[in-house]
N, C-alpha and C. Protein backbone atom coordinates (compact mmCIF):
# COMPACT_ATOMS: atom_id res chain seq x y z
N UNK A 1 0.82 -1.20 0.00
CA UNK A 1 0.00 0.00 0.00
C UNK A 1 0.86 1.26 0.00
N UNK A 2 1.95 1.25 0.78
CA UNK A 2 2.81 2.42 0.83
C UNK A 2 3.45 2.70 -0.53
N UNK A 3 3.77 1.63 -1.25
CA UNK A 3 4.38 1.79 -2.56
C UNK A 3 3.41 2.47 -3.53
N UNK A 4 2.14 2.07 -3.51
CA UNK A 4 1.15 2.68 -4.41
C UNK A 4 0.88 4.14 -4.04
N UNK A 5 0.95 4.47 -2.74
CA UNK A 5 0.77 5.87 -2.32
C UNK A 5 1.94 6.70 -2.83
N UNK A 6 3.15 6.17 -2.73
CA UNK A 6 4.33 6.89 -3.23
C UNK A 6 4.24 7.11 -4.74
N UNK A 7 3.83 6.07 -5.45
CA UNK A 7 3.70 6.19 -6.91
C UNK A 7 2.63 7.22 -7.25
N UNK A 8 1.52 7.21 -6.54
CA UNK A 8 0.45 8.18 -6.77
C UNK A 8 0.90 9.61 -6.51
N UNK A 9 1.61 9.81 -5.40
CA UNK A 9 2.12 11.15 -5.10
C UNK A 9 3.16 11.60 -6.12
N UNK A 10 4.00 10.68 -6.54
CA UNK A 10 5.00 11.00 -7.56
C UNK A 10 4.32 11.38 -8.87
N UNK A 11 3.29 10.63 -9.25
CA UNK A 11 2.53 10.94 -10.46
C UNK A 11 1.86 12.30 -10.34
N UNK A 12 1.26 12.57 -9.19
CA UNK A 12 0.58 13.84 -8.95
C UNK A 12 1.56 15.01 -9.02
N UNK A 13 2.68 14.89 -8.36
CA UNK A 13 3.69 15.96 -8.39
C UNK A 13 4.26 16.14 -9.80
N UNK A 14 4.53 15.01 -10.47
CA UNK A 14 5.09 15.08 -11.83
C UNK A 14 4.16 15.76 -12.80
N UNK A 15 2.87 15.41 -12.76
CA UNK A 15 1.91 16.04 -13.66
C UNK A 15 1.68 17.51 -13.31
N UNK A 16 1.74 17.85 -12.05
CA UNK A 16 1.60 19.25 -11.64
C UNK A 16 2.76 20.08 -12.20
N UNK A 17 3.97 19.58 -12.05
CA UNK A 17 5.15 20.29 -12.56
C UNK A 17 5.13 20.33 -14.08
N UNK A 18 4.80 19.18 -14.71
CA UNK A 18 4.73 19.13 -16.17
C UNK A 18 3.69 20.13 -16.69
N UNK A 19 2.52 20.19 -16.07
CA UNK A 19 1.47 21.12 -16.50
C UNK A 19 1.93 22.57 -16.41
N UNK A 20 2.62 22.91 -15.32
CA UNK A 20 3.11 24.29 -15.15
C UNK A 20 4.13 24.64 -16.24
N UNK A 21 5.06 23.73 -16.48
CA UNK A 21 6.10 24.00 -17.49
C UNK A 21 5.50 24.02 -18.88
N UNK A 22 4.66 23.03 -19.20
CA UNK A 22 4.09 22.93 -20.54
C UNK A 22 3.26 24.16 -20.90
N UNK A 23 2.36 24.58 -20.02
CA UNK A 23 1.52 25.72 -20.33
C UNK A 23 2.32 27.02 -20.39
N UNK A 24 3.36 27.15 -19.58
CA UNK A 24 4.21 28.33 -19.64
C UNK A 24 4.93 28.41 -20.97
N UNK A 25 5.50 27.31 -21.42
CA UNK A 25 6.21 27.28 -22.70
C UNK A 25 5.24 27.54 -23.85
N UNK A 26 4.08 26.88 -23.83
CA UNK A 26 3.09 27.07 -24.89
C UNK A 26 2.60 28.52 -24.95
N UNK A 27 2.38 29.11 -23.80
CA UNK A 27 1.93 30.51 -23.74
C UNK A 27 3.01 31.45 -24.26
N UNK A 28 4.26 31.20 -23.90
CA UNK A 28 5.36 32.04 -24.38
C UNK A 28 5.50 31.94 -25.90
N UNK A 29 5.40 30.73 -26.42
CA UNK A 29 5.51 30.54 -27.87
C UNK A 29 4.37 31.26 -28.58
N UNK A 30 3.18 31.14 -28.06
CA UNK A 30 2.03 31.81 -28.66
C UNK A 30 2.14 33.33 -28.56
N UNK A 31 2.56 33.83 -27.40
CA UNK A 31 2.67 35.29 -27.21
C UNK A 31 3.71 35.90 -28.14
N UNK A 32 4.73 35.14 -28.49
CA UNK A 32 5.76 35.65 -29.39
C UNK A 32 5.32 35.62 -30.85
N UNK A 33 4.25 34.90 -31.15
CA UNK A 33 3.75 34.86 -32.52
C UNK A 33 4.14 33.63 -33.30
N UNK A 34 4.83 32.69 -32.69
CA UNK A 34 5.25 31.50 -33.41
C UNK A 34 4.08 30.66 -33.90
N UNK A 35 2.94 30.73 -33.25
CA UNK A 35 1.78 29.94 -33.64
C UNK A 35 0.81 30.70 -34.53
N UNK A 36 1.13 31.95 -34.85
CA UNK A 36 0.26 32.77 -35.69
C UNK A 36 0.45 32.35 -37.15
N UNK A 37 -0.62 31.89 -37.80
CA UNK A 37 -0.47 31.40 -39.18
C UNK A 37 -0.47 32.53 -40.21
N UNK A 38 0.15 32.26 -41.35
CA UNK A 38 0.06 33.14 -42.50
C UNK A 38 -1.30 32.89 -43.14
N UNK A 39 -1.93 33.94 -43.63
CA UNK A 39 -3.22 33.80 -44.31
C UNK A 39 -3.03 34.11 -45.79
N UNK A 40 -3.51 33.21 -46.63
CA UNK A 40 -3.46 33.45 -48.07
C UNK A 40 -4.70 34.20 -48.47
N UNK A 41 -4.52 35.26 -49.24
CA UNK A 41 -5.65 36.07 -49.71
C UNK A 41 -6.00 35.60 -51.12
N UNK A 42 -7.20 35.10 -51.30
CA UNK A 42 -7.64 34.58 -52.60
C UNK A 42 -8.09 35.73 -53.49
N UNK A 43 -7.43 35.82 -54.64
CA UNK A 43 -7.75 36.88 -55.59
C UNK A 43 -7.99 36.28 -56.97
N UNK A 44 -8.79 36.95 -57.80
CA UNK A 44 -9.01 36.44 -59.15
C UNK A 44 -7.80 36.67 -60.07
N UNK A 45 -6.89 37.54 -59.67
CA UNK A 45 -5.69 37.82 -60.47
C UNK A 45 -4.46 37.88 -59.58
N UNK A 46 -3.30 37.90 -60.19
CA UNK A 46 -2.07 37.87 -59.40
C UNK A 46 -1.65 39.27 -58.97
N UNK A 47 -1.02 39.32 -57.81
CA UNK A 47 -0.50 40.59 -57.30
C UNK A 47 0.90 40.80 -57.87
N UNK A 48 1.27 42.07 -58.06
CA UNK A 48 2.60 42.33 -58.62
C UNK A 48 3.49 43.16 -57.69
N UNK A 49 2.87 43.89 -56.74
CA UNK A 49 3.69 44.73 -55.87
C UNK A 49 3.00 45.02 -54.54
N UNK A 50 3.80 45.02 -53.49
CA UNK A 50 3.31 45.40 -52.18
C UNK A 50 3.50 46.91 -52.03
N UNK A 51 2.42 47.61 -51.68
CA UNK A 51 2.50 49.06 -51.51
C UNK A 51 2.80 49.42 -50.06
N UNK A 52 2.08 48.81 -49.15
CA UNK A 52 2.25 49.01 -47.71
C UNK A 52 2.05 47.66 -47.05
N UNK A 53 2.17 47.61 -45.73
CA UNK A 53 1.95 46.34 -45.04
C UNK A 53 0.48 45.97 -45.01
N UNK A 54 -0.38 46.85 -45.55
CA UNK A 54 -1.80 46.54 -45.62
C UNK A 54 -2.39 46.84 -47.00
N UNK A 55 -1.53 46.94 -48.05
CA UNK A 55 -2.03 47.25 -49.38
C UNK A 55 -1.11 46.68 -50.46
N UNK A 56 -1.72 46.25 -51.57
CA UNK A 56 -0.94 45.73 -52.71
C UNK A 56 -1.67 46.07 -53.99
N UNK A 57 -0.95 45.94 -55.11
CA UNK A 57 -1.52 46.23 -56.42
C UNK A 57 -1.46 44.95 -57.26
N UNK A 58 -2.51 44.74 -58.06
CA UNK A 58 -2.59 43.53 -58.89
C UNK A 58 -2.10 43.83 -60.31
N UNK A 59 -2.05 42.78 -61.14
CA UNK A 59 -1.55 42.93 -62.51
C UNK A 59 -2.45 43.82 -63.36
N UNK A 60 -3.73 43.95 -63.00
CA UNK A 60 -4.63 44.83 -63.76
C UNK A 60 -4.62 46.26 -63.22
N UNK A 61 -3.82 46.52 -62.17
CA UNK A 61 -3.74 47.86 -61.61
C UNK A 61 -4.69 48.13 -60.46
N UNK A 62 -5.45 47.12 -60.05
CA UNK A 62 -6.37 47.28 -58.93
C UNK A 62 -5.59 47.32 -57.61
N UNK A 63 -5.99 48.21 -56.73
CA UNK A 63 -5.36 48.32 -55.42
C UNK A 63 -6.29 47.68 -54.39
N UNK A 64 -5.73 46.79 -53.59
CA UNK A 64 -6.47 46.18 -52.48
C UNK A 64 -5.85 46.64 -51.18
N UNK A 65 -6.71 47.01 -50.23
CA UNK A 65 -6.22 47.45 -48.93
C UNK A 65 -7.03 46.78 -47.82
N UNK A 66 -6.35 46.51 -46.72
CA UNK A 66 -6.98 45.84 -45.58
C UNK A 66 -7.61 46.87 -44.67
N UNK A 67 -8.87 46.65 -44.34
CA UNK A 67 -9.57 47.50 -43.39
C UNK A 67 -10.08 46.60 -42.27
N UNK A 68 -9.43 46.61 -41.11
CA UNK A 68 -9.84 45.69 -40.04
C UNK A 68 -11.24 45.96 -39.50
N UNK A 69 -11.80 47.12 -39.81
CA UNK A 69 -13.12 47.46 -39.30
C UNK A 69 -14.22 47.20 -40.31
N UNK A 70 -13.86 46.72 -41.51
CA UNK A 70 -14.86 46.43 -42.53
C UNK A 70 -15.19 44.94 -42.48
N UNK A 71 -16.27 44.60 -41.80
CA UNK A 71 -16.67 43.21 -41.64
C UNK A 71 -17.53 42.71 -42.80
N UNK A 72 -17.87 43.60 -43.71
CA UNK A 72 -18.78 43.22 -44.79
C UNK A 72 -18.07 43.02 -46.12
N UNK A 73 -16.78 43.18 -46.17
CA UNK A 73 -16.06 43.01 -47.43
C UNK A 73 -16.07 41.55 -47.84
N UNK A 74 -15.85 41.31 -49.11
CA UNK A 74 -15.93 39.94 -49.62
C UNK A 74 -14.71 39.11 -49.22
N UNK A 75 -13.63 39.72 -48.83
CA UNK A 75 -12.41 38.96 -48.54
C UNK A 75 -11.86 39.28 -47.15
N UNK A 76 -12.69 39.14 -46.14
CA UNK A 76 -12.27 39.28 -44.74
C UNK A 76 -11.49 40.56 -44.45
N UNK A 77 -12.02 41.67 -44.86
CA UNK A 77 -11.37 42.95 -44.57
C UNK A 77 -10.57 43.53 -45.72
N UNK A 78 -10.29 42.74 -46.76
CA UNK A 78 -9.56 43.25 -47.93
C UNK A 78 -10.57 43.78 -48.92
N UNK A 79 -10.36 45.02 -49.35
CA UNK A 79 -11.29 45.62 -50.29
C UNK A 79 -10.54 46.37 -51.39
N UNK A 80 -11.18 46.44 -52.55
CA UNK A 80 -10.61 47.17 -53.67
C UNK A 80 -10.84 48.65 -53.44
N UNK A 81 -9.79 49.46 -53.59
CA UNK A 81 -9.91 50.91 -53.37
C UNK A 81 -9.32 51.64 -54.58
N UNK A 82 -9.74 52.90 -54.74
CA UNK A 82 -9.20 53.71 -55.84
C UNK A 82 -7.82 54.24 -55.49
N UNK A 83 -7.64 54.62 -54.23
CA UNK A 83 -6.33 55.08 -53.76
C UNK A 83 -6.18 54.65 -52.30
N UNK A 84 -4.96 54.68 -51.82
CA UNK A 84 -4.71 54.22 -50.45
C UNK A 84 -5.41 55.11 -49.44
N UNK A 85 -6.07 54.46 -48.49
CA UNK A 85 -6.73 55.20 -47.40
C UNK A 85 -5.71 55.42 -46.29
N UNK A 86 -5.77 56.56 -45.68
CA UNK A 86 -4.94 56.84 -44.52
C UNK A 86 -5.73 56.41 -43.29
N UNK A 87 -5.10 55.68 -42.35
CA UNK A 87 -5.84 55.22 -41.17
C UNK A 87 -6.44 56.40 -40.40
N UNK A 88 -7.67 56.21 -39.90
CA UNK A 88 -8.34 57.27 -39.16
C UNK A 88 -7.89 57.35 -37.72
N UNK A 89 -7.29 56.28 -37.22
CA UNK A 89 -6.79 56.29 -35.86
C UNK A 89 -5.29 56.60 -35.90
N UNK A 90 -4.78 57.28 -34.87
CA UNK A 90 -3.35 57.63 -34.89
C UNK A 90 -2.48 56.37 -34.80
N UNK A 91 -1.48 56.30 -35.65
CA UNK A 91 -0.57 55.16 -35.67
C UNK A 91 0.81 55.63 -35.25
N UNK A 92 1.35 54.96 -34.27
CA UNK A 92 2.68 55.29 -33.78
C UNK A 92 3.61 54.14 -34.16
N UNK A 93 4.37 54.33 -35.24
CA UNK A 93 5.24 53.26 -35.74
C UNK A 93 6.44 53.05 -34.82
N UNK A 94 6.85 51.79 -34.72
CA UNK A 94 8.00 51.41 -33.91
C UNK A 94 9.10 50.84 -34.80
N UNK A 95 10.31 50.82 -34.29
CA UNK A 95 11.40 50.13 -35.01
C UNK A 95 11.12 48.63 -34.95
N UNK A 96 11.55 47.90 -35.97
CA UNK A 96 11.28 46.47 -36.03
C UNK A 96 11.90 45.72 -34.85
N UNK A 97 13.01 46.24 -34.30
CA UNK A 97 13.64 45.60 -33.14
C UNK A 97 12.73 45.61 -31.92
N UNK A 98 11.81 46.55 -31.86
CA UNK A 98 10.90 46.66 -30.72
C UNK A 98 9.68 45.74 -30.84
N UNK A 99 9.58 45.03 -31.95
CA UNK A 99 8.41 44.19 -32.21
C UNK A 99 8.57 42.77 -31.72
N UNK A 100 9.74 42.38 -31.33
CA UNK A 100 9.94 40.99 -30.94
C UNK A 100 10.21 40.13 -32.15
N UNK A 101 9.79 38.88 -32.09
CA UNK A 101 10.05 37.93 -33.17
C UNK A 101 9.20 38.24 -34.39
N UNK A 102 9.83 38.21 -35.56
CA UNK A 102 9.14 38.41 -36.83
C UNK A 102 9.49 37.22 -37.72
N UNK A 103 8.50 36.58 -38.34
CA UNK A 103 8.81 35.42 -39.19
C UNK A 103 9.63 35.80 -40.42
N UNK A 104 10.35 34.84 -40.92
CA UNK A 104 11.18 35.06 -42.11
C UNK A 104 10.30 35.30 -43.33
N UNK A 105 10.74 36.20 -44.18
CA UNK A 105 10.04 36.47 -45.44
C UNK A 105 10.93 36.12 -46.63
N UNK A 106 11.94 35.30 -46.40
CA UNK A 106 12.90 34.96 -47.46
C UNK A 106 12.27 34.24 -48.64
N UNK A 107 11.21 33.47 -48.41
CA UNK A 107 10.61 32.71 -49.50
C UNK A 107 9.68 33.55 -50.38
N UNK A 108 9.51 34.81 -50.05
CA UNK A 108 8.64 35.70 -50.82
C UNK A 108 9.47 36.65 -51.68
N UNK A 109 8.89 37.04 -52.82
CA UNK A 109 9.58 37.99 -53.71
C UNK A 109 9.65 39.38 -53.10
N UNK A 110 8.55 39.77 -52.50
CA UNK A 110 8.47 41.13 -51.96
C UNK A 110 7.62 41.10 -50.69
N UNK A 111 8.01 41.92 -49.73
CA UNK A 111 7.22 42.00 -48.50
C UNK A 111 7.43 43.36 -47.84
N UNK A 112 6.46 43.74 -47.03
CA UNK A 112 6.56 44.96 -46.22
C UNK A 112 6.14 44.59 -44.81
N UNK A 113 6.89 45.11 -43.84
CA UNK A 113 6.62 44.84 -42.43
C UNK A 113 6.37 46.16 -41.73
N UNK A 114 5.34 46.18 -40.90
CA UNK A 114 5.04 47.36 -40.09
C UNK A 114 4.82 46.91 -38.66
N UNK A 115 5.40 47.65 -37.74
CA UNK A 115 5.17 47.41 -36.33
C UNK A 115 4.68 48.73 -35.73
N UNK A 116 3.52 48.68 -35.11
CA UNK A 116 2.93 49.92 -34.60
C UNK A 116 2.44 49.74 -33.17
N UNK A 117 2.46 50.85 -32.45
CA UNK A 117 1.88 50.89 -31.12
C UNK A 117 0.38 50.89 -31.31
N UNK A 118 -0.30 50.03 -30.56
CA UNK A 118 -1.74 49.91 -30.70
C UNK A 118 -2.32 49.78 -29.31
N UNK A 119 -2.86 50.87 -28.77
CA UNK A 119 -3.34 50.87 -27.39
C UNK A 119 -2.17 50.62 -26.45
N UNK A 120 -2.32 49.73 -25.49
CA UNK A 120 -1.22 49.45 -24.57
C UNK A 120 -0.22 48.43 -25.13
N UNK A 121 -0.48 47.90 -26.31
CA UNK A 121 0.39 46.87 -26.88
C UNK A 121 0.94 47.28 -28.23
N UNK A 122 1.32 46.28 -29.00
CA UNK A 122 1.84 46.50 -30.35
C UNK A 122 1.13 45.56 -31.31
N UNK A 123 1.24 45.90 -32.59
CA UNK A 123 0.71 45.03 -33.63
C UNK A 123 1.73 44.99 -34.76
N UNK A 124 2.08 43.79 -35.17
CA UNK A 124 3.03 43.60 -36.26
C UNK A 124 2.27 43.04 -37.45
N UNK A 125 2.47 43.65 -38.63
CA UNK A 125 1.80 43.22 -39.85
C UNK A 125 2.83 42.97 -40.93
N UNK A 126 2.63 41.91 -41.69
CA UNK A 126 3.49 41.62 -42.84
C UNK A 126 2.59 41.29 -44.02
N UNK A 127 2.87 41.89 -45.15
CA UNK A 127 2.19 41.57 -46.39
C UNK A 127 3.27 41.11 -47.36
N UNK A 128 3.08 39.95 -47.99
CA UNK A 128 4.12 39.39 -48.86
C UNK A 128 3.50 38.80 -50.12
N UNK A 129 4.29 38.81 -51.20
CA UNK A 129 3.88 38.23 -52.47
C UNK A 129 4.92 37.18 -52.86
N UNK A 130 4.42 35.99 -53.28
CA UNK A 130 5.35 34.95 -53.72
C UNK A 130 5.56 35.02 -55.24
N UNK A 131 6.32 34.08 -55.79
CA UNK A 131 6.67 34.10 -57.21
C UNK A 131 5.46 33.96 -58.13
N UNK A 132 4.41 33.29 -57.66
CA UNK A 132 3.21 33.11 -58.48
C UNK A 132 2.23 34.28 -58.38
N UNK A 133 2.56 35.28 -57.57
CA UNK A 133 1.67 36.42 -57.41
C UNK A 133 0.62 36.23 -56.34
N UNK A 134 0.76 35.18 -55.52
CA UNK A 134 -0.15 34.96 -54.40
C UNK A 134 0.20 35.92 -53.27
N UNK A 135 -0.81 36.39 -52.59
CA UNK A 135 -0.61 37.35 -51.49
C UNK A 135 -0.81 36.64 -50.16
N UNK A 136 0.11 36.87 -49.22
CA UNK A 136 0.04 36.29 -47.89
C UNK A 136 0.11 37.41 -46.86
N UNK A 137 -0.67 37.25 -45.80
CA UNK A 137 -0.76 38.28 -44.77
C UNK A 137 -0.53 37.64 -43.41
N UNK A 138 0.29 38.30 -42.58
CA UNK A 138 0.57 37.83 -41.22
C UNK A 138 0.36 39.02 -40.28
N UNK A 139 -0.43 38.81 -39.25
CA UNK A 139 -0.71 39.88 -38.29
C UNK A 139 -0.65 39.30 -36.88
N UNK A 140 0.13 39.97 -36.03
CA UNK A 140 0.23 39.48 -34.65
C UNK A 140 0.12 40.65 -33.67
N UNK A 141 -1.04 40.76 -33.00
CA UNK A 141 -1.17 41.78 -31.96
C UNK A 141 -0.62 41.26 -30.63
N UNK A 142 -0.03 42.12 -29.87
CA UNK A 142 0.44 41.79 -28.53
C UNK A 142 -0.03 42.88 -27.59
N UNK A 143 -0.73 42.47 -26.56
CA UNK A 143 -1.25 43.44 -25.61
C UNK A 143 -1.06 42.97 -24.19
N UNK A 144 -1.80 43.58 -23.31
CA UNK A 144 -1.66 43.24 -21.89
C UNK A 144 -2.19 41.85 -21.58
N UNK A 145 -3.10 41.33 -22.39
CA UNK A 145 -3.66 39.99 -22.13
C UNK A 145 -2.57 38.92 -22.19
N UNK A 146 -1.67 39.01 -23.16
CA UNK A 146 -0.59 38.03 -23.26
C UNK A 146 0.31 38.08 -22.04
N UNK A 147 0.63 39.29 -21.60
CA UNK A 147 1.51 39.45 -20.43
C UNK A 147 0.84 38.89 -19.17
N UNK A 148 -0.43 39.18 -19.01
CA UNK A 148 -1.15 38.68 -17.83
C UNK A 148 -1.24 37.16 -17.86
N UNK A 149 -1.59 36.61 -19.04
CA UNK A 149 -1.71 35.16 -19.14
C UNK A 149 -0.36 34.48 -18.94
N UNK A 150 0.70 35.10 -19.44
CA UNK A 150 2.04 34.54 -19.25
C UNK A 150 2.41 34.51 -17.76
N UNK A 151 1.97 35.51 -17.02
CA UNK A 151 2.22 35.52 -15.58
C UNK A 151 1.48 34.41 -14.85
N UNK A 152 0.26 34.12 -15.30
CA UNK A 152 -0.56 33.12 -14.62
C UNK A 152 -0.46 31.72 -15.23
N UNK A 153 0.24 31.58 -16.35
CA UNK A 153 0.34 30.28 -17.03
C UNK A 153 0.91 29.18 -16.13
N UNK A 154 1.97 29.43 -15.35
CA UNK A 154 2.47 28.35 -14.49
C UNK A 154 1.42 27.88 -13.48
N UNK A 155 0.69 28.81 -12.89
CA UNK A 155 -0.33 28.44 -11.91
C UNK A 155 -1.47 27.67 -12.57
N UNK A 156 -1.95 28.16 -13.70
CA UNK A 156 -3.04 27.48 -14.41
C UNK A 156 -2.58 26.09 -14.87
N UNK A 157 -1.36 26.00 -15.40
CA UNK A 157 -0.82 24.71 -15.82
C UNK A 157 -0.68 23.74 -14.67
N UNK A 158 -0.22 24.24 -13.53
CA UNK A 158 -0.08 23.38 -12.34
C UNK A 158 -1.44 22.87 -11.88
N UNK A 159 -2.45 23.73 -11.89
CA UNK A 159 -3.80 23.32 -11.49
C UNK A 159 -4.34 22.27 -12.45
N UNK A 160 -4.15 22.49 -13.76
CA UNK A 160 -4.62 21.51 -14.74
C UNK A 160 -3.88 20.19 -14.60
N UNK A 161 -2.55 20.26 -14.40
CA UNK A 161 -1.77 19.04 -14.21
C UNK A 161 -2.18 18.30 -12.95
N UNK A 162 -2.42 19.03 -11.87
CA UNK A 162 -2.87 18.43 -10.61
C UNK A 162 -4.22 17.75 -10.81
N UNK A 163 -5.14 18.45 -11.48
CA UNK A 163 -6.46 17.88 -11.75
C UNK A 163 -6.37 16.61 -12.59
N UNK A 164 -5.52 16.63 -13.61
CA UNK A 164 -5.33 15.44 -14.43
C UNK A 164 -4.75 14.30 -13.59
N UNK A 165 -3.81 14.63 -12.71
CA UNK A 165 -3.24 13.62 -11.82
C UNK A 165 -4.28 13.00 -10.91
N UNK A 166 -5.16 13.81 -10.36
CA UNK A 166 -6.24 13.31 -9.49
C UNK A 166 -7.15 12.36 -10.28
N UNK A 167 -7.50 12.76 -11.50
CA UNK A 167 -8.37 11.92 -12.34
C UNK A 167 -7.69 10.58 -12.63
N UNK A 168 -6.41 10.60 -12.97
CA UNK A 168 -5.69 9.36 -13.27
C UNK A 168 -5.59 8.48 -12.02
N UNK A 169 -5.24 9.07 -10.91
CA UNK A 169 -5.13 8.29 -9.66
C UNK A 169 -6.48 7.71 -9.27
N UNK A 170 -7.54 8.49 -9.42
CA UNK A 170 -8.88 8.00 -9.10
C UNK A 170 -9.26 6.85 -10.03
N UNK A 171 -8.92 6.99 -11.31
CA UNK A 171 -9.19 5.92 -12.27
C UNK A 171 -8.44 4.65 -11.93
N UNK A 172 -7.17 4.79 -11.58
CA UNK A 172 -6.37 3.62 -11.18
C UNK A 172 -6.97 2.98 -9.92
N UNK A 173 -7.39 3.81 -8.98
CA UNK A 173 -7.98 3.30 -7.73
C UNK A 173 -9.25 2.51 -8.02
N UNK A 174 -10.11 3.04 -8.92
CA UNK A 174 -11.36 2.34 -9.27
C UNK A 174 -11.04 1.00 -9.91
N UNK A 175 -10.10 0.97 -10.86
CA UNK A 175 -9.73 -0.29 -11.52
C UNK A 175 -9.19 -1.28 -10.50
N UNK A 176 -8.34 -0.81 -9.60
CA UNK A 176 -7.77 -1.69 -8.56
C UNK A 176 -8.87 -2.24 -7.66
N UNK A 177 -9.79 -1.40 -7.24
CA UNK A 177 -10.89 -1.85 -6.38
C UNK A 177 -11.79 -2.85 -7.11
N UNK A 178 -12.05 -2.60 -8.38
CA UNK A 178 -12.88 -3.53 -9.15
C UNK A 178 -12.19 -4.89 -9.27
N UNK A 179 -10.88 -4.89 -9.51
CA UNK A 179 -10.14 -6.16 -9.59
C UNK A 179 -10.19 -6.89 -8.26
N UNK A 180 -10.07 -6.16 -7.17
CA UNK A 180 -10.09 -6.76 -5.84
C UNK A 180 -11.48 -7.36 -5.55
N UNK A 181 -12.53 -6.63 -5.91
CA UNK A 181 -13.89 -7.13 -5.69
C UNK A 181 -14.14 -8.40 -6.51
N UNK A 182 -13.71 -8.39 -7.79
CA UNK A 182 -13.87 -9.56 -8.64
C UNK A 182 -13.07 -10.75 -8.11
N UNK A 183 -11.90 -10.47 -7.60
CA UNK A 183 -11.06 -11.54 -7.04
C UNK A 183 -11.72 -12.13 -5.80
N UNK A 184 -12.28 -11.27 -4.94
CA UNK A 184 -12.97 -11.74 -3.74
C UNK A 184 -14.19 -12.58 -4.07
N UNK A 185 -14.93 -12.19 -5.12
CA UNK A 185 -16.12 -12.93 -5.53
C UNK A 185 -15.74 -14.30 -6.08
N UNK A 186 -14.62 -14.36 -6.79
CA UNK A 186 -14.16 -15.63 -7.36
C UNK A 186 -13.72 -16.59 -6.26
N UNK A 187 -13.20 -16.05 -5.17
CA UNK A 187 -12.73 -16.91 -4.06
C UNK A 187 -13.91 -17.49 -3.29
N UNK A 188 -15.06 -16.89 -3.30
CA UNK A 188 -16.23 -17.37 -2.55
C UNK A 188 -16.89 -18.46 -3.25
């Protein structure tokens, strides 16, 4: 019995520590933007040049620009415009070094990167065109929510790991008790 208690406590402690470490690492990776996917923008024609980190021009001369507040556009915020719109909200641009990790754009023919102060955080945007004229967009906002969650990730991970450990130990206990009951019934 003492051996099974030691194994249970070891499992419980191990899962608690593993949960704290795992969630902290996962949160850090996510907060840095490593899990942020590139989005391909589907167009009827190929793009030929990036104008800004939120605008490009196609082979027919059409200009497309991203408007994050336009929820009714046909392409998730990308709309055809006659000329570039100037943002209505004040934008405070930052040096790229202040943006943290930025994904590589080496596989693209042309790209533009913008890092701007946005409320209490920052937002990094990349617009890129590949050799076939496909347009790809990457956007990663960072605000106070990431910092707060990163602070609490070890605690939340430890609680989740502890809870998982309790469930596993309880499951093992039920299986052991069922085996013991079946064994006792067979002996009678």
